[in-house]
Amino acid sequence: MKGLELIKKAMKLEKVERIPWVPFVGAHAGSLLGLTATEFLQSTGKIVEGVNKAIELYKPDGIPVAFDLQIEAEALGCKLAWADDNPPAVISHPLTEGLTVDDLQVPCPCKGRIPMVMEATRQLREQHPEMALYGLITGPFTLALHLLGTDIFMQMMMDPDATNKLMRFTTDVAKMMASNYIEAGADVIAIVDPMTSQIDPMSFETFVSPHVKEINDFIREANALSSFFVCGNAQQNIEVMCQTNPDNISIDENIPLDFVRDMALKHNVSFGGNIKLTVVLLMGDEEASRRDALECMDIGGKKGFILAPGCDLAMETPQENLIAISELIHNEVLQGELRASEATTDNIELLDLTNHWNNKKVIIDVITLDSSSCAPCQYMVKALERASESYGEQVIYKEHSIKEKKGVQMMATLGVKNIPTIVIDGNVEFISQIPPINDIKAKIDHYLKNKN
């Protein structure tokens, strides 16, 4: 069965003969060509060439055209910081710089890099008519945060009408992007909204649900499929995500796959995930990658499940690990042999933090995927920076990215289970959700008082 047909069957909750496989290849495809993320994400030709290389190596059933949640923000005037090994990051917020929502207009599809990804979609559609192409759009809440910054969390409490007005605008932007992707040939429109992991279900239902449901309905009316991507610890929001009526939800390793399976199927929604992005795919070997993928396959089953990484692949992910998963997907004998063999586990060596603490200063460790590429991580680190700046040398804070081995060791040593997380003087204080600045300051004051 061809990839597109397999994806369609899975999303319609029909039992499949083989679990479909969708590697979320973003800037990683550029690494297959020896390019930086900056070089790759600014060229139609390079995107097409990189995705084709990923298709050749990983034999997927579906694949994203581009994984860059800054395309719409850039077209709306946000400034970007480009990097060699990650997609760009938003570094300015127009609605904090004198503009109002009324000053903004839904961008023309000819603006910024929008025409670049649409042309890449058209070319890939022509070259791969039997593969499911995913067009990824920035979710309305994440785009709202790009435009307003973390001030949106205060606005949600103080002026909810203003937040809904902003969400109305970002929803219109999302529908414009979805329409153009569908016209260019995309089969699945993925609404990627990682910042929704930062809000509770009540806020989600108030500010996100009606807008995402509108986008999902719009996609369905255009005879395309919809998927709702959320990275981070969004377990509290899985049910309300399903209630926005997507064809599929996709989650990362922060959320148990069996929990997602049961909740999604309860609401007649297909689900995808959640191969471990860093400790397995980035830092592990082929054996670890196969075992983690097989565990996901055994939990997910052959009704409604799509095997995928937990989020956008790190650029440096060894291609051998992804090839190993591709071979496993297409080889039931190998799956049986792997189940029959004894699993092996690498123990993570814990760090000696004796000299890490300070009896006069507050030590803050923030555990992230990578603040330069993960939006929730980026905004948590920014909040911590703003909260700490008035304390001078009394506060020392450091980010630990779990893309690096030492970051994984620090995460294990501190007992952190989810990312992003803020740990103060060895105590886990803020898990996954971006805290208000004043809440961080209150914690810092508490720890400083105990040192005096």
Foldseek 3Di string as FASTA:
>chain_A
DALVVLLVCLLQQHFDPFFFAEAAAALLLVVVVVFFSVVQLQALVSLLVSVVVCCVQQVGQEYESHDAACQQVVQFPFDWDPDRFAHIDGDDAQCVVPDAPVVTDQGDCVTGCNVSSLVSLLVVCVVCVRGAYEYEYEALVLSLCSNVPPCVVVCCVVPVVRLQSSSVRSLVNLLVSLVSSVVSPHQEYEHEYAQVLQDAQVSCVSRPLVSLLVSQVSNVVSVHAYEYEYEWQNLRCLLSVLVSPGSEYEAEPLDDLLSSLVSNVVSSHAYEDYQEQAVPQLVHAQLSLQVSQLVNPVSRDRTRYHYYHRGHHGSRGDSRNSSSNSVSSVDVVVSVVSVPDDDDDDDQDADDCPVVDDLQAKEKEWEAQDLRHRPLSVSLVVLVCVLCVVVPPRYHYDYQHSNDSVSVNHCVNLVPSIPGWMAIRSHTDDGRHRDHSVVSNVVRVVSNVVSD
